[in-house]
């Protein structure tokens, strides 16, 4: 007997759109979790490598390797194990470098040198590593050369207060408030330009209250430093804004200047940091 065949039913446009919406929502939920995991992993790896390099420097100094002191320097997105009494006068052939991820900023004592045979640092040192999520690691070297580390989470940074901005500076690495941003070697007498990004991850717009909005102050070996492009007066919730700094190192050698801006972030007002580098002759 002949039977009528019914056409197979396909997916409707509405069903397809609902499926895409479900995938988008799932991805939106998963992405922050994965990003947070990656940021914490970057922090753990950076802490572990930095502690290892400090212990290696201490061991090499105590054993009198190369008849020299040994040290570690952190700056410009890099941790360097070096031979010598300072990073500037080091033996470049012995450098061991580790790249610090852009998601991590550093502040505090960025150079530790262990003296030959005694293995004692010139000063008590504390270096802080901070991730985007505001969780951090504090690495310390005491007067006897003992190295330790601990987890730090600023109470005010766990969650921003309701209806308040939460600011961060990227250039391209994250720069902690009251931290230091190392630019490495740059040509002395030649103007340099750096673009900084203000990120607002809080729950309200950020207001830059100063006049001018960003202030720069030379510290040493700077011929000129100026804000060539100012940021807007307001940075909306979940948005970012840029500003540009132009500076010229006067002579070969270390140079530094500070950058600061007043704002309405409860725990980072003013937001300020030091820019340091080394001028070189072309």
C-alpha atoms as a PDB file:
ATOM      1  CA  UNK A   1       0.000   0.000   0.000  1.00  0.00           C
ATOM      2  CA  UNK A   2       1.284   3.456  -0.885  1.00  0.00           C
ATOM      3  CA  UNK A   3       2.030   5.642   2.145  1.00  0.00           C
ATOM      4  CA  UNK A   4       2.367   9.387   2.056  1.00  0.00           C
ATOM      5  CA  UNK A   5       5.809  10.544   3.030  1.00  0.00           C
ATOM      6  CA  UNK A   6       6.024  13.454   5.410  1.00  0.00           C
ATOM      7  CA  UNK A   7       8.843  15.942   4.839  1.00  0.00           C
ATOM      8  CA  UNK A   8      11.536  15.948   7.520  1.00  0.00           C
ATOM      9  CA  UNK A   9      11.327  18.919   9.820  1.00  0.00           C
ATOM     10  CA  UNK A  10      14.426  21.199   9.897  1.00  0.00           C
ATOM     11  CA  UNK A  11      15.554  23.835  12.344  1.00  0.00           C
ATOM     12  CA  UNK A  12      13.685  27.107  12.318  1.00  0.00           C
ATOM     13  CA  UNK A  13      15.397  30.473  12.225  1.00  0.00           C
ATOM     14  CA  UNK A  14      14.279  31.103  15.818  1.00  0.00           C
ATOM     15  CA  UNK A  15      15.843  27.832  17.000  1.00  0.00           C
ATOM     16  CA  UNK A  16      19.117  28.646  15.259  1.00  0.00           C
ATOM     17  CA  UNK A  17      19.207  32.122  16.802  1.00  0.00           C
ATOM     18  CA  UNK A  18      18.496  30.672  20.253  1.00  0.00           C
ATOM     19  CA  UNK A  19      21.359  28.197  19.809  1.00  0.00           C
ATOM     20  CA  UNK A  20      23.756  30.996  18.859  1.00  0.00           C
ATOM     21  CA  UNK A  21      22.554  33.054  21.828  1.00  0.00           C
ATOM     22  CA  UNK A  22      23.194  30.138  24.195  1.00  0.00           C
ATOM     23  CA  UNK A  23      26.735  29.667  22.853  1.00  0.00           C
ATOM     24  CA  UNK A  24      27.425  33.415  23.207  1.00  0.00           C
ATOM     25  CA  UNK A  25      26.197  33.485  26.808  1.00  0.00           C
ATOM     26  CA  UNK A  26      28.263  30.400  27.684  1.00  0.00           C
ATOM     27  CA  UNK A  27      31.359  31.962  26.125  1.00  0.00           C
ATOM     28  CA  UNK A  28      30.725  35.221  27.990  1.00  0.00           C
ATOM     29  CA  UNK A  29      30.599  33.352  31.289  1.00  0.00           C
ATOM     30  CA  UNK A  30      33.634  31.178  30.570  1.00  0.00           C
ATOM     31  CA  UNK A  31      35.940  33.895  29.205  1.00  0.00           C
ATOM     32  CA  UNK A  32      36.424  35.845  32.484  1.00  0.00           C
ATOM     33  CA  UNK A  33      37.042  32.596  34.358  1.00  0.00           C
ATOM     34  CA  UNK A  34      39.671  31.468  31.855  1.00  0.00           C
ATOM     35  CA  UNK A  35      41.278  34.917  31.836  1.00  0.00           C
ATOM     36  CA  UNK A  36      41.434  34.982  35.643  1.00  0.00           C
ATOM     37  CA  UNK A  37      43.023  31.516  35.654  1.00  0.00           C
ATOM     38  CA  UNK A  38      45.634  32.595  33.090  1.00  0.00           C
ATOM     39  CA  UNK A  39      46.436  35.808  34.978  1.00  0.00           C
ATOM     40  CA  UNK A  40      46.938  33.893  38.241  1.00  0.00           C
ATOM     41  CA  UNK A  41      49.066  31.294  36.471  1.00  0.00           C
ATOM     42  CA  UNK A  42      51.255  34.060  34.993  1.00  0.00           C
ATOM     43  CA  UNK A  43      51.691  35.496  38.492  1.00  0.00           C
ATOM     44  CA  UNK A  44      52.615  32.114  39.985  1.00  0.00           C
ATOM     45  CA  UNK A  45      55.174  31.427  37.246  1.00  0.00           C
ATOM     46  CA  UNK A  46      56.731  34.905  37.531  1.00  0.00           C
ATOM     47  CA  UNK A  47      57.023  34.551  41.323  1.00  0.00           C
ATOM     48  CA  UNK A  48      58.586  31.090  41.057  1.00  0.00           C
ATOM     49  CA  UNK A  49      61.123  32.107  38.414  1.00  0.00           C
ATOM     50  CA  UNK A  50      62.079  35.311  40.213  1.00  0.00           C
ATOM     51  CA  UNK A  51      62.641  33.510  43.534  1.00  0.00           C
ATOM     52  CA  UNK A  52      64.684  30.873  41.699  1.00  0.00           C
ATOM     53  CA  UNK A  53      66.863  33.523  40.036  1.00  0.00           C
ATOM     54  CA  UNK A  54      67.445  35.288  43.365  1.00  0.00           C
ATOM     55  CA  UNK A  55      68.519  32.008  44.975  1.00  0.00           C
ATOM     56  CA  UNK A  56      70.793  31.247  42.030  1.00  0.00           C
ATOM     57  CA  UNK A  57      72.406  34.700  42.311  1.00  0.00           C
ATOM     58  CA  UNK A  58      72.913  34.173  46.043  1.00  0.00           C
ATOM     59  CA  UNK A  59      74.478  30.742  45.487  1.00  0.00           C
ATOM     60  CA  UNK A  60      76.813  31.998  42.740  1.00  0.00           C
ATOM     61  CA  UNK A  61      77.938  34.943  44.886  1.00  0.00           C
ATOM     62  CA  UNK A  62      78.576  32.789  47.963  1.00  0.00           C
ATOM     63  CA  UNK A  63      80.612  30.312  45.910  1.00  0.00           C
ATOM     64  CA  UNK A  64      82.692  33.114  44.389  1.00  0.00           C
ATOM     65  CA  UNK A  65      81.707  32.182  40.845  1.00  0.00           C
ATOM     66  CA  UNK A  66      83.652  34.243  38.271  1.00  0.00           C
ATOM     67  CA  UNK A  67      85.290  35.943  41.274  1.00  0.00           C
ATOM     68  CA  UNK A  68      82.329  38.342  41.329  1.00  0.00           C
ATOM     69  CA  UNK A  69      79.129  39.503  42.954  1.00  0.00           C
ATOM     70  CA  UNK A  70      75.830  38.387  41.357  1.00  0.00           C
ATOM     71  CA  UNK A  71      72.423  39.983  41.233  1.00  0.00           C
ATOM     72  CA  UNK A  72      68.910  40.102  39.781  1.00  0.00           C
ATOM     73  CA  UNK A  73      67.165  43.074  38.179  1.00  0.00           C
ATOM     74  CA  UNK A  74      63.486  43.422  37.278  1.00  0.00           C
ATOM     75  CA  UNK A  75      62.350  46.027  34.785  1.00  0.00           C
ATOM     76  CA  UNK A  76      60.913  46.693  31.337  1.00  0.00           C
ATOM     77  CA  UNK A  77      59.028  43.390  31.312  1.00  0.00           C
ATOM     78  CA  UNK A  78      62.157  41.363  32.068  1.00  0.00           C
ATOM     79  CA  UNK A  79      63.893  39.663  35.012  1.00  0.00           C
ATOM     80  CA  UNK A  80      67.655  39.363  34.523  1.00  0.00           C
ATOM     81  CA  UNK A  81      70.190  37.297  36.468  1.00  0.00           C
ATOM     82  CA  UNK A  82      73.509  39.110  36.017  1.00  0.00           C
ATOM     83  CA  UNK A  83      77.177  38.974  37.031  1.00  0.00           C
ATOM     84  CA  UNK A  84      78.650  42.120  38.569  1.00  0.00           C
ATOM     85  CA  UNK A  85      78.338  44.703  41.292  1.00  0.00           C
ATOM     86  CA  UNK A  86      75.429  46.410  39.540  1.00  0.00           C
ATOM     87  CA  UNK A  87      73.187  45.954  36.519  1.00  0.00           C
ATOM     88  CA  UNK A  88      74.770  48.931  34.735  1.00  0.00           C
ATOM     89  CA  UNK A  89      78.349  47.578  35.095  1.00  0.00           C
ATOM     90  CA  UNK A  90      77.459  43.887  34.642  1.00  0.00           C
ATOM     91  CA  UNK A  91      79.113  41.342  32.363  1.00  0.00           C
ATOM     92  CA  UNK A  92      76.562  41.151  29.526  1.00  0.00           C
ATOM     93  CA  UNK A  93      77.804  37.716  28.447  1.00  0.00           C
ATOM     94  CA  UNK A  94      76.472  36.150  31.660  1.00  0.00           C
ATOM     95  CA  UNK A  95      72.916  37.551  31.464  1.00  0.00           C
ATOM     96  CA  UNK A  96      70.021  35.113  31.928  1.00  0.00           C
ATOM     97  CA  UNK A  97      66.670  36.698  31.026  1.00  0.00           C
ATOM     98  CA  UNK A  98      63.073  35.767  31.771  1.00  0.00           C
ATOM     99  CA  UNK A  99      60.202  37.655  30.155  1.00  0.00           C
ATOM    100  CA  UNK A 100      57.549  38.817  32.628  1.00  0.00           C
ATOM    101  CA  UNK A 101      54.035  38.672  31.086  1.00  0.00           C
ATOM    102  CA  UNK A 102      52.344  41.978  30.220  1.00  0.00           C
ATOM    103  CA  UNK A 103      49.604  41.132  32.737  1.00  0.00           C
ATOM    104  CA  UNK A 104      52.055  41.701  35.625  1.00  0.00           C
ATOM    105  CA  UNK A 105      53.490  44.942  36.972  1.00  0.00           C
ATOM    106  CA  UNK A 106      56.331  45.302  39.469  1.00  0.00           C
ATOM    107  CA  UNK A 107      57.156  47.861  42.149  1.00  0.00           C
ATOM    108  CA  UNK A 108      59.619  48.216  45.005  1.00  0.00           C
ATOM    109  CA  UNK A 109      63.353  47.401  44.883  1.00  0.00           C
ATOM    110  CA  UNK A 110      63.966  46.309  41.310  1.00  0.00           C
ATOM    111  CA  UNK A 111      67.647  45.375  41.750  1.00  0.00           C
ATOM    112  CA  UNK A 112      69.248  43.035  44.313  1.00  0.00           C
ATOM    113  CA  UNK A 113      72.999  42.342  44.380  1.00  0.00           C
ATOM    114  CA  UNK A 114      74.603  39.643  46.560  1.00  0.00           C
ATOM    115  CA  UNK A 115      78.225  40.376  47.521  1.00  0.00           C
ATOM    116  CA  UNK A 116      80.996  37.980  46.568  1.00  0.00           C
ATOM    117  CA  UNK A 117      81.546  35.182  49.142  1.00  0.00           C
ATOM    118  CA  UNK A 118      79.455  36.806  51.897  1.00  0.00           C
ATOM    119  CA  UNK A 119      76.313  36.633  49.746  1.00  0.00           C
ATOM    120  CA  UNK A 120      74.785  39.557  51.661  1.00  0.00           C
ATOM    121  CA  UNK A 121      72.658  42.128  49.792  1.00  0.00           C
ATOM    122  CA  UNK A 122      73.459  45.809  50.048  1.00  0.00           C
ATOM    123  CA  UNK A 123      70.012  46.490  51.527  1.00  0.00           C
ATOM    124  CA  UNK A 124      66.811  44.815  52.663  1.00  0.00           C
ATOM    125  CA  UNK A 125      64.708  44.513  49.526  1.00  0.00           C
ATOM    126  CA  UNK A 126      61.011  44.037  48.819  1.00  0.00           C
ATOM    127  CA  UNK A 127      59.648  43.491  45.322  1.00  0.00           C
ATOM    128  CA  UNK A 128      55.910  43.363  44.630  1.00  0.00           C
ATOM    129  CA  UNK A 129      54.358  41.675  41.588  1.00  0.00           C
ATOM    130  CA  UNK A 130      50.738  42.584  40.827  1.00  0.00           C
ATOM    131  CA  UNK A 131      48.345  40.977  38.346  1.00  0.00           C
ATOM    132  CA  UNK A 132      45.328  42.464  36.574  1.00  0.00           C
ATOM    133  CA  UNK A 133      43.040  40.917  39.188  1.00  0.00           C
ATOM    134  CA  UNK A 134      44.886  42.898  41.903  1.00  0.00           C
ATOM    135  CA  UNK A 135      46.182  39.735  43.552  1.00  0.00           C
ATOM    136  CA  UNK A 136      49.903  40.010  44.112  1.00  0.00           C
ATOM    137  CA  UNK A 137      53.078  38.342  45.312  1.00  0.00           C
ATOM    138  CA  UNK A 138      55.594  40.005  47.618  1.00  0.00           C
ATOM    139  CA  UNK A 139      59.195  38.785  47.425  1.00  0.00           C
ATOM    140  CA  UNK A 140      61.594  39.815  50.178  1.00  0.00           C
ATOM    141  CA  UNK A 141      65.354  39.548  50.722  1.00  0.00           C
ATOM    142  CA  UNK A 142      66.463  40.263  54.302  1.00  0.00           C
ATOM    143  CA  UNK A 143      69.804  41.628  55.527  1.00  0.00           C
ATOM    144  CA  UNK A 144      71.277  38.112  55.720  1.00  0.00           C
ATOM    145  CA  UNK A 145      70.259  37.266  52.163  1.00  0.00           C
ATOM    146  CA  UNK A 146      67.322  35.007  53.064  1.00  0.00           C
ATOM    147  CA  UNK A 147      64.673  35.003  50.321  1.00  0.00           C
ATOM    148  CA  UNK A 148      60.940  34.633  50.993  1.00  0.00           C
ATOM    149  CA  UNK A 149      57.634  35.231  49.237  1.00  0.00           C
ATOM    150  CA  UNK A 150      53.988  35.658  50.207  1.00  0.00           C
ATOM    151  CA  UNK A 151      50.571  36.253  48.624  1.00  0.00           C
ATOM    152  CA  UNK A 152      49.075  39.718  48.999  1.00  0.00           C
ATOM    153  CA  UNK A 153      45.526  40.816  48.193  1.00  0.00           C
ATOM    154  CA  UNK A 154      44.793  44.461  49.029  1.00  0.00           C
ATOM    155  CA  UNK A 155      41.415  44.425  50.850  1.00  0.00           C
ATOM    156  CA  UNK A 156      40.114  47.363  48.836  1.00  0.00           C
ATOM    157  CA  UNK A 157      40.988  45.602  45.587  1.00  0.00           C
ATOM    158  CA  UNK A 158      38.976  42.404  46.065  1.00  0.00           C
ATOM    159  CA  UNK A 159      35.834  44.096  44.748  1.00  0.00           C
ATOM    160  CA  UNK A 160      35.393  47.786  43.970  1.00  0.00           C
ATOM    161  CA  UNK A 161      32.739  49.513  46.097  1.00  0.00           C
ATOM    162  CA  UNK A 162      29.344  49.730  44.452  1.00  0.00           C
ATOM    163  CA  UNK A 163      29.162  52.688  42.092  1.00  0.00           C
ATOM    164  CA  UNK A 164      32.888  53.508  42.048  1.00  0.00           C
ATOM    165  CA  UNK A 165      35.624  53.516  39.381  1.00  0.00           C
ATOM    166  CA  UNK A 166      38.608  51.155  39.466  1.00  0.00           C
ATOM    167  CA  UNK A 167      41.589  52.353  37.459  1.00  0.00           C
ATOM    168  CA  UNK A 168      44.627  50.648  35.945  1.00  0.00           C
ATOM    169  CA  UNK A 169      47.431  51.904  33.695  1.00  0.00           C
ATOM    170  CA  UNK A 170      48.768  49.889  30.744  1.00  0.00           C
ATOM    171  CA  UNK A 171      51.843  50.815  28.658  1.00  0.00           C
ATOM    172  CA  UNK A 172      51.757  47.967  27.387  1.00  0.00           C
ATOM    173  CA  UNK A 173      52.542  46.236  30.700  1.00  0.00           C
ATOM    174  CA  UNK A 174      50.322  46.968  33.702  1.00  0.00           C
ATOM    175  CA  UNK A 175      51.761  49.669  36.000  1.00  0.00           C
ATOM    176  CA  UNK A 176      50.783  49.582  39.665  1.00  0.00           C
ATOM    177  CA  UNK A 177      49.913  52.754  41.527  1.00  0.00           C
ATOM    178  CA  UNK A 178      53.137  54.058  43.175  1.00  0.00           C
ATOM    179  CA  UNK A 179      55.070  51.569  41.018  1.00  0.00           C
ATOM    180  CA  UNK A 180      57.942  51.912  38.538  1.00  0.00           C
ATOM    181  CA  UNK A 181      57.861  51.500  34.764  1.00  0.00           C
ATOM    182  CA  UNK A 182      61.245  50.720  33.213  1.00  0.00           C
ATOM    183  CA  UNK A 183      61.761  51.692  29.575  1.00  0.00           C
ATOM    184  CA  UNK A 184      65.251  50.195  29.229  1.00  0.00           C
ATOM    185  CA  UNK A 185      67.898  51.748  26.978  1.00  0.00           C
ATOM    186  CA  UNK A 186      66.908  54.772  24.855  1.00  0.00           C
ATOM    187  CA  UNK A 187      68.949  57.253  22.846  1.00  0.00           C
ATOM    188  CA  UNK A 188      70.140  60.273  24.837  1.00  0.00           C
ATOM    189  CA  UNK A 189      69.198  63.629  23.319  1.00  0.00           C
ATOM    190  CA  UNK A 190      66.434  62.066  21.196  1.00  0.00           C
ATOM    191  CA  UNK A 191      62.749  62.642  21.955  1.00  0.00           C
ATOM    192  CA  UNK A 192      60.822  59.480  22.944  1.00  0.00           C
ATOM    193  CA  UNK A 193      57.039  59.025  22.978  1.00  0.00           C
ATOM    194  CA  UNK A 194      55.004  56.599  25.084  1.00  0.00           C
ATOM    195  CA  UNK A 195      51.242  56.058  24.894  1.00  0.00           C
ATOM    196  CA  UNK A 196      49.612  55.150  28.220  1.00  0.00           C
ATOM    197  CA  UNK A 197      46.126  53.657  28.517  1.00  0.00           C
ATOM    198  CA  UNK A 198      43.818  54.374  31.473  1.00  0.00           C
ATOM    199  CA  UNK A 199      41.456  51.415  32.010  1.00  0.00           C
ATOM    200  CA  UNK A 200      38.327  51.716  34.135  1.00  0.00           C
ATOM    201  CA  UNK A 201      37.071  48.303  35.248  1.00  0.00           C
ATOM    202  CA  UNK A 202      34.876  49.705  38.046  1.00  0.00           C
ATOM    203  CA  UNK A 203      31.147  50.298  38.317  1.00  0.00           C
ATOM    204  CA  UNK A 204      31.073  54.051  37.675  1.00  0.00           C
ATOM    205  CA  UNK A 205      32.746  56.637  35.442  1.00  0.00           C
ATOM    206  CA  UNK A 206      36.182  57.897  36.473  1.00  0.00           C
ATOM    207  CA  UNK A 207      36.768  61.640  36.630  1.00  0.00           C
ATOM    208  CA  UNK A 208      40.253  63.090  36.128  1.00  0.00           C
ATOM    209  CA  UNK A 209      40.059  66.111  38.371  1.00  0.00           C
ATOM    210  CA  UNK A 210      43.444  67.796  37.949  1.00  0.00           C
ATOM    211  CA  UNK A 211      44.459  70.863  35.955  1.00  0.00           C
ATOM    212  CA  UNK A 212      46.238  69.759  33.852  1.00  0.00           C
ATOM    213  CA  UNK A 213      44.721  66.284  34.034  1.00  0.00           C
ATOM    214  CA  UNK A 214      48.100  64.483  33.846  1.00  0.00           C
ATOM    215  CA  UNK A 215      51.186  66.008  35.483  1.00  0.00           C
ATOM    216  CA  UNK A 216      54.809  65.027  34.741  1.00  0.00           C
ATOM    217  CA  UNK A 217      57.802  65.922  36.936  1.00  0.00           C
ATOM    218  CA  UNK A 218      61.472  65.373  35.956  1.00  0.00           C
ATOM    219  CA  UNK A 219      63.715  63.752  38.574  1.00  0.00           C
ATOM    220  CA  UNK A 220      67.123  63.263  36.975  1.00  0.00           C
ATOM    221  CA  UNK A 221      68.929  63.467  33.609  1.00  0.00           C
ATOM    222  CA  UNK A 222      65.839  64.677  31.718  1.00  0.00           C
ATOM    223  CA  UNK A 223      66.176  67.473  29.174  1.00  0.00           C
ATOM    224  CA  UNK A 224      62.410  67.757  28.665  1.00  0.00           C
ATOM    225  CA  UNK A 225      59.250  65.832  29.540  1.00  0.00           C
ATOM    226  CA  UNK A 226      55.686  66.813  28.646  1.00  0.00           C
ATOM    227  CA  UNK A 227      52.169  65.508  28.098  1.00  0.00           C
ATOM    228  CA  UNK A 228      51.626  65.966  24.360  1.00  0.00           C
ATOM    229  CA  UNK A 229      48.113  64.438  24.347  1.00  0.00           C
ATOM    230  CA  UNK A 230      45.964  64.749  27.487  1.00  0.00           C
ATOM    231  CA  UNK A 231      43.251  62.160  28.305  1.00  0.00           C
ATOM    232  CA  UNK A 232      39.571  63.159  28.468  1.00  0.00           C
ATOM    233  CA  UNK A 233      38.129  64.445  31.740  1.00  0.00           C
ATOM    234  CA  UNK A 234      35.936  61.323  32.088  1.00  0.00           C
ATOM    235  CA  UNK A 235      36.634  57.607  31.466  1.00  0.00           C
ATOM    236  CA  UNK A 236      33.377  55.670  31.388  1.00  0.00           C
ATOM    237  CA  UNK A 237      32.639  52.412  33.193  1.00  0.00           C
ATOM    238  CA  UNK A 238      34.217  49.514  31.287  1.00  0.00           C
ATOM    239  CA  UNK A 239      36.071  51.808  28.858  1.00  0.00           C
ATOM    240  CA  UNK A 240      39.598  53.170  28.422  1.00  0.00           C
ATOM    241  CA  UNK A 241      41.343  56.362  27.282  1.00  0.00           C
ATOM    242  CA  UNK A 242      44.869  57.185  26.121  1.00  0.00           C
ATOM    243  CA  UNK A 243      47.387  59.938  26.732  1.00  0.00           C
ATOM    244  CA  UNK A 244      50.884  60.481  25.353  1.00  0.00           C
ATOM    245  CA  UNK A 245      54.124  61.460  27.124  1.00  0.00           C
ATOM    246  CA  UNK A 246      57.149  62.838  25.266  1.00  0.00           C
ATOM    247  CA  UNK A 247      60.546  62.864  27.018  1.00  0.00           C
ATOM    248  CA  UNK A 248      64.211  63.378  26.134  1.00  0.00           C
ATOM    249  CA  UNK A 249      67.092  61.980  28.244  1.00  0.00           C
ATOM    250  CA  UNK A 250      69.771  64.658  28.585  1.00  0.00           C
ATOM    251  CA  UNK A 251      72.934  62.535  28.625  1.00  0.00           C
ATOM    252  CA  UNK A 252      74.014  58.877  28.618  1.00  0.00           C
ATOM    253  CA  UNK A 253      73.191  57.315  31.975  1.00  0.00           C
ATOM    254  CA  UNK A 254      70.228  56.657  34.236  1.00  0.00           C
ATOM    255  CA  UNK A 255      67.227  58.983  34.005  1.00  0.00           C
ATOM    256  CA  UNK A 256      63.803  59.170  35.658  1.00  0.00           C
ATOM    257  CA  UNK A 257      60.610  61.213  35.955  1.00  0.00           C
ATOM    258  CA  UNK A 258      57.184  60.825  37.548  1.00  0.00           C
ATOM    259  CA  UNK A 259      53.658  60.788  36.120  1.00  0.00           C
ATOM    260  CA  UNK A 260      50.559  61.512  38.211  1.00  0.00           C
ATOM    261  CA  UNK A 261      46.871  62.264  37.792  1.00  0.00           C
ATOM    262  CA  UNK A 262      44.156  63.084  40.338  1.00  0.00           C
ATOM    263  CA  UNK A 263      40.937  61.067  40.069  1.00  0.00           C
ATOM    264  CA  UNK A 264      37.937  59.751  42.006  1.00  0.00           C
ATOM    265  CA  UNK A 265      39.172  56.155  42.468  1.00  0.00           C
ATOM    266  CA  UNK A 266      38.897  55.644  46.231  1.00  0.00           C
ATOM    267  CA  UNK A 267      42.163  53.700  46.655  1.00  0.00           C
ATOM    268  CA  UNK A 268      44.314  55.077  43.814  1.00  0.00           C
ATOM    269  CA  UNK A 269      44.084  58.842  44.066  1.00  0.00           C
ATOM    270  CA  UNK A 270      46.342  60.241  42.850  1.00  0.00           C
ATOM    271  CA  UNK A 271      47.496  57.468  40.515  1.00  0.00           C
ATOM    272  CA  UNK A 272      51.241  57.991  40.197  1.00  0.00           C
ATOM    273  CA  UNK A 273      54.325  56.094  39.090  1.00  0.00           C
ATOM    274  CA  UNK A 274      57.995  56.577  38.223  1.00  0.00           C
ATOM    275  CA  UNK A 275      59.417  56.073  34.732  1.00  0.00           C
ATOM    276  CA  UNK A 276      63.094  55.049  34.686  1.00  0.00           C
ATOM    277  CA  UNK A 277      65.552  54.111  31.982  1.00  0.00           C
ATOM    278  CA  UNK A 278      69.092  54.419  30.724  1.00  0.00           C
ATOM    279  CA  UNK A 279      70.183  56.963  28.130  1.00  0.00           C
ATOM    280  CA  UNK A 280      72.746  55.698  25.642  1.00  0.00           C
ATOM    281  CA  UNK A 281      74.924  57.500  23.096  1.00  0.00           C
ATOM    282  CA  UNK A 282      74.174  56.722  19.466  1.00  0.00           C
END
